């Protein structure tokens, strides 16, 4: 049975599943759907067409589903979808999508969004992502599974962050960060492979060896054009899914890929 504090404000359009908790002075307005076991703490705000999956936790003073900070947005249909077991800490803000940007901001499951972080309109996030305090994402950014973003980092709109990558604190990201790497700085540069992170996630020695070989060819071979580096990897490195993912990520880049320290 859900527990709604007497001072909370909920609009008639809100849909609540079983075992939802809404704290004091929370405001939930618009076409909001709250999944089973989700907790909305005191003074948190959830608004607009927003869907939260099961067992999410929105901490005090967070603002989820706010209007896009986009001057082109004209009150058209826009939406925010958040998966299961995602945590949004204090004062974090997540905007809905825009009608000209696909209409949906999408956050996956098992994500940890720390205090004061901002996820702008039309961003597309995967699962098991960590945003440290104050991490900021411009509109249309994409983040793949298991990426970690350091505190006070800023990611330019339309940038992509690859799976299992680690971005150090206070970084400025203006180009795509490939999967499996360590990046840091303003503007970011690559500092190597996220080998320790890959080990912690159970990647085999053989897989890490192949990724390392591909990384060295693409990002550490002096004077080798990117297209030629990709060709060398395709010819010389074992064709495993992780290497294929790295190559496809690079080939699909529109802003360019961060390459060298």
Protein backbone atom coordinates (compact mmCIF):
# COMPACT_ATOMS: atom_id res chain seq x y z
CA UNK A 1 0.00 0.00 0.00
CA UNK A 2 1.34 3.42 -0.98
CA UNK A 3 2.21 6.07 1.62
CA UNK A 4 1.44 9.65 0.58
CA UNK A 5 2.19 12.41 3.08
CA UNK A 6 -0.70 14.73 3.77
CA UNK A 7 1.27 17.79 2.64
CA UNK A 8 2.33 16.32 -0.72
CA UNK A 9 0.65 17.76 -3.82
CA UNK A 10 -0.36 15.31 -6.57
CA UNK A 11 -2.32 16.21 -9.68
CA UNK A 12 -5.26 14.12 -10.87
CA UNK A 13 -3.22 12.80 -13.81
CA UNK A 14 -0.65 11.02 -11.64
CA UNK A 15 -0.62 7.20 -11.76
CA UNK A 16 0.85 5.39 -8.77
CA UNK A 17 1.68 1.68 -8.49
CA UNK A 18 1.77 -0.30 -5.24
CA UNK A 19 4.08 0.50 -2.35
CA UNK A 20 5.04 4.01 -3.52
CA UNK A 21 6.19 6.52 -0.89
CA UNK A 22 5.76 10.28 -1.35
CA UNK A 23 7.25 12.52 1.33
CA UNK A 24 6.22 15.83 2.82
CA UNK A 25 5.79 18.81 0.48
CA UNK A 26 6.71 16.80 -2.59
CA UNK A 27 5.06 18.02 -5.79
CA UNK A 28 4.03 15.56 -8.49
CA UNK A 29 2.14 17.10 -11.39
CA UNK A 30 1.28 16.19 -14.97
CA UNK A 31 1.10 12.76 -16.59
CA UNK A 32 3.50 11.21 -14.10
CA UNK A 33 3.68 7.42 -13.63
CA UNK A 34 5.44 6.02 -10.57
CA UNK A 35 6.47 2.36 -10.57
CA UNK A 36 6.17 -0.12 -7.75
CA UNK A 37 8.30 0.63 -4.71
CA UNK A 38 9.48 4.04 -5.92
CA UNK A 39 10.27 6.68 -3.27
CA UNK A 40 9.80 10.42 -3.78
CA UNK A 41 11.39 12.20 -0.82
CA UNK A 42 10.21 15.39 0.81
CA UNK A 43 10.41 18.59 -1.27
CA UNK A 44 11.23 16.69 -4.48
CA UNK A 45 9.45 17.62 -7.71
CA UNK A 46 8.39 15.29 -10.53
CA UNK A 47 6.42 16.84 -13.37
CA UNK A 48 5.39 16.66 -17.02
CA UNK A 49 4.95 13.41 -18.90
CA UNK A 50 7.40 11.43 -16.81
CA UNK A 51 7.63 7.69 -16.13
CA UNK A 52 9.68 6.24 -13.30
CA UNK A 53 10.20 2.48 -13.16
CA UNK A 54 10.14 0.32 -10.06
CA UNK A 55 12.22 0.98 -6.94
CA UNK A 56 13.56 4.36 -8.03
CA UNK A 57 14.50 6.89 -5.36
CA UNK A 58 14.22 10.64 -5.89
CA UNK A 59 15.94 12.52 -3.07
CA UNK A 60 14.93 15.89 -1.54
CA UNK A 61 14.95 18.96 -3.80
CA UNK A 62 15.66 17.02 -6.98
CA UNK A 63 13.71 18.21 -10.06
CA UNK A 64 12.74 15.43 -12.43
CA UNK A 65 10.86 15.96 -15.69
CA UNK A 66 11.31 19.72 -15.87
CA UNK A 67 10.79 21.73 -19.06
CA UNK A 68 13.70 21.59 -21.52
CA UNK A 69 16.18 24.47 -21.33
CA UNK A 70 15.88 24.98 -25.06
CA UNK A 71 14.67 28.25 -26.59
CA UNK A 72 13.26 26.36 -29.59
CA UNK A 73 10.95 24.30 -27.40
CA UNK A 74 7.35 25.44 -27.89
CA UNK A 75 5.41 23.40 -25.35
CA UNK A 76 5.09 20.48 -27.78
CA UNK A 77 4.82 16.87 -26.67
CA UNK A 78 7.88 15.84 -24.67
CA UNK A 79 8.64 13.02 -22.27
CA UNK A 80 11.08 11.62 -19.73
CA UNK A 81 11.42 7.87 -19.18
CA UNK A 82 13.53 6.46 -16.33
CA UNK A 83 14.03 2.73 -15.81
CA UNK A 84 14.12 0.67 -12.63
CA UNK A 85 16.25 1.20 -9.52
CA UNK A 86 17.69 4.52 -10.57
CA UNK A 87 18.70 6.96 -7.82
CA UNK A 88 18.53 10.73 -8.27
CA UNK A 89 20.22 12.61 -5.43
CA UNK A 90 19.64 16.08 -4.00
CA UNK A 91 19.26 19.08 -6.33
CA UNK A 92 19.88 17.04 -9.48
CA UNK A 93 17.83 18.12 -12.50
CA UNK A 94 16.62 16.03 -15.44
CA UNK A 95 14.77 17.64 -18.35
CA UNK A 96 12.19 16.14 -20.67
CA UNK A 97 12.86 15.85 -24.40
CA UNK A 98 11.98 18.36 -27.12
CA UNK A 99 9.65 17.97 -30.06
CA UNK A 100 12.47 18.64 -32.54
CA UNK A 101 14.96 16.33 -30.77
CA UNK A 102 13.02 13.09 -30.72
CA UNK A 103 10.69 14.04 -27.90
CA UNK A 104 12.12 11.74 -25.22
CA UNK A 105 14.87 11.96 -22.63
CA UNK A 106 15.61 8.36 -21.69
CA UNK A 107 17.50 7.15 -18.61
CA UNK A 108 17.99 3.40 -18.16
CA UNK A 109 18.04 1.26 -15.02
CA UNK A 110 20.40 0.97 -12.03
CA UNK A 111 21.87 4.44 -12.54
CA UNK A 112 23.26 6.62 -9.74
CA UNK A 113 22.86 10.34 -10.41
CA UNK A 114 24.57 12.25 -7.62
CA UNK A 115 23.76 15.67 -6.19
CA UNK A 116 23.62 18.76 -8.42
CA UNK A 117 24.03 16.76 -11.63
CA UNK A 118 22.14 17.92 -14.72
CA UNK A 119 20.86 15.81 -17.63
CA UNK A 120 19.51 18.00 -20.41
CA UNK A 121 16.77 17.43 -22.96
CA UNK A 122 16.83 14.45 -25.35
CA UNK A 123 19.77 12.71 -23.64
CA UNK A 124 19.93 8.94 -23.99
CA UNK A 125 21.50 7.06 -21.07
CA UNK A 126 22.02 3.33 -20.71
CA UNK A 127 22.28 1.28 -17.50
CA UNK A 128 24.60 1.13 -14.47
CA UNK A 129 25.94 4.65 -15.07
CA UNK A 130 27.40 6.80 -12.28
CA UNK A 131 27.32 10.60 -12.43
CA UNK A 132 29.38 12.12 -9.63
CA UNK A 133 28.37 15.39 -7.97
CA UNK A 134 27.85 18.28 -10.35
CA UNK A 135 28.30 16.34 -13.61
CA UNK A 136 26.52 18.24 -16.39
CA UNK A 137 25.28 16.98 -19.76
CA UNK A 138 24.19 19.14 -22.68
CA UNK A 139 21.23 18.19 -24.81
CA UNK A 140 21.22 15.08 -27.02
CA UNK A 141 24.20 13.53 -25.20
CA UNK A 142 24.48 9.73 -25.13
CA UNK A 143 26.04 7.58 -22.42
CA UNK A 144 26.52 3.83 -22.75
CA UNK A 145 26.35 1.22 -19.99
CA UNK A 146 28.70 1.23 -16.97
CA UNK A 147 30.30 4.60 -17.73
CA UNK A 148 31.49 6.72 -14.77
CA UNK A 149 31.59 10.52 -14.97
CA UNK A 150 33.69 12.43 -12.44
CA UNK A 151 32.39 15.32 -10.39
CA UNK A 152 32.04 18.81 -11.91
CA UNK A 153 32.61 17.46 -15.41
CA UNK A 154 30.76 19.04 -18.33
CA UNK A 155 29.78 17.17 -21.49
CA UNK A 156 29.02 19.16 -24.64
CA UNK A 157 25.70 18.62 -26.39
CA UNK A 158 25.59 15.73 -28.89
CA UNK A 159 28.67 14.08 -27.36
CA UNK A 160 28.74 10.34 -26.70
CA UNK A 161 30.38 8.52 -23.80
CA UNK A 162 31.33 4.91 -24.48
CA UNK A 163 30.64 1.86 -22.34
CA UNK A 164 32.88 1.15 -19.33
CA UNK A 165 34.75 4.43 -19.80
CA UNK A 166 35.89 6.55 -16.87
CA UNK A 167 36.07 10.36 -17.05
CA UNK A 168 38.01 12.13 -14.32
CA UNK A 169 36.65 15.01 -12.29
CA UNK A 170 36.41 18.59 -13.60
CA UNK A 171 36.78 17.44 -17.20
CA UNK A 172 35.44 19.27 -20.23
CA UNK A 173 34.21 16.82 -22.88
CA UNK A 174 33.82 18.25 -26.37
CA UNK A 175 34.36 15.08 -28.44
CA UNK A 176 33.17 11.50 -28.15
CA UNK A 177 34.90 9.35 -25.52
CA UNK A 178 35.41 5.79 -26.85
CA UNK A 179 34.41 2.71 -24.85
CA UNK A 180 36.76 1.18 -22.25
CA UNK A 181 39.08 4.18 -21.81
CA UNK A 182 40.29 6.62 -19.15
CA UNK A 183 39.86 10.30 -20.02
CA UNK A 184 40.54 13.50 -18.13
CA UNK A 185 41.20 17.21 -18.56
CA UNK A 186 39.75 20.35 -20.09
CA UNK A 187 39.46 19.57 -22.85
CA UNK A 188 39.62 15.82 -22.31
CA UNK A 189 42.46 13.65 -23.51
CA UNK A 190 42.82 9.88 -23.28
CA UNK A 191 45.12 8.55 -20.59
CA UNK A 192 44.90 4.85 -21.34
CA UNK A 193 42.58 1.91 -21.08
CA UNK A 194 40.27 1.52 -18.08
CA UNK A 195 41.93 -1.81 -17.33
CA UNK A 196 41.08 -1.92 -13.63
CA UNK A 197 37.43 -1.19 -14.36
CA UNK A 198 37.31 -3.93 -16.97
CA UNK A 199 38.81 -6.43 -14.52
CA UNK A 200 36.26 -5.48 -11.87
CA UNK A 201 33.47 -6.11 -14.35
CA UNK A 202 34.75 -9.60 -15.15
CA UNK A 203 36.36 -9.06 -18.55
CA UNK A 204 38.70 -11.96 -19.33
CA UNK A 205 42.46 -11.51 -19.81
CA UNK A 206 42.06 -12.42 -23.47
CA UNK A 207 39.37 -9.79 -23.99
CA UNK A 208 41.38 -7.08 -22.23
CA UNK A 209 44.44 -8.03 -24.30
CA UNK A 210 42.49 -7.62 -27.55
CA UNK A 211 40.99 -4.30 -26.45
CA UNK A 212 44.46 -3.10 -25.40
CA UNK A 213 45.90 -4.04 -28.78
CA UNK A 214 43.13 -2.15 -30.59
CA UNK A 215 43.54 0.84 -28.28
CA UNK A 216 47.29 1.06 -28.93
CA UNK A 217 46.87 0.91 -32.69
CA UNK A 218 44.15 3.57 -32.81
CA UNK A 219 45.25 5.94 -30.06
CA UNK A 220 48.98 5.44 -29.59
CA UNK A 221 50.40 4.95 -33.08
CA UNK A 222 52.03 8.23 -34.07
CA UNK A 223 51.07 9.68 -37.44
CA UNK A 224 48.54 7.00 -38.34
CA UNK A 225 45.29 8.46 -39.77
CA UNK A 226 42.17 7.24 -38.03
CA UNK A 227 40.79 5.41 -41.06
CA UNK A 228 44.08 3.54 -41.47
CA UNK A 229 44.19 2.72 -37.77
CA UNK A 230 40.71 1.21 -37.93
CA UNK A 231 41.75 -0.82 -40.97
CA UNK A 232 44.80 -2.15 -39.11
CA UNK A 233 42.67 -3.20 -36.14
CA UNK A 234 40.25 -5.02 -38.42
CA UNK A 235 43.14 -6.90 -40.01
CA UNK A 236 45.36 -7.54 -36.98
CA UNK A 237 43.16 -7.80 -33.86
CA UNK A 238 40.88 -10.69 -32.98
CA UNK A 239 37.32 -9.90 -34.02
CA UNK A 240 35.59 -10.14 -30.64
CA UNK A 241 32.38 -8.22 -29.75
CA UNK A 242 34.19 -5.68 -27.56
CA UNK A 243 36.65 -4.72 -30.30
CA UNK A 244 33.82 -4.54 -32.85
CA UNK A 245 31.89 -2.27 -30.48
CA UNK A 246 34.86 0.08 -30.14
CA UNK A 247 35.31 0.27 -33.91
CA UNK A 248 31.62 0.83 -34.60
CA UNK A 249 31.46 3.54 -31.93
CA UNK A 250 34.35 5.38 -33.60
CA UNK A 251 32.94 4.97 -37.11
CA UNK A 252 29.58 6.41 -36.04
CA UNK A 253 31.07 9.50 -34.41
CA UNK A 254 29.77 12.84 -35.69
CA UNK A 255 31.70 15.18 -33.36
CA UNK A 256 34.99 13.35 -33.68
CA UNK A 257 36.67 11.07 -31.17
CA UNK A 258 39.05 12.15 -28.45
CA UNK A 259 42.35 10.41 -29.31
CA UNK A 260 45.61 11.42 -27.63
CA UNK A 261 46.97 12.51 -24.28
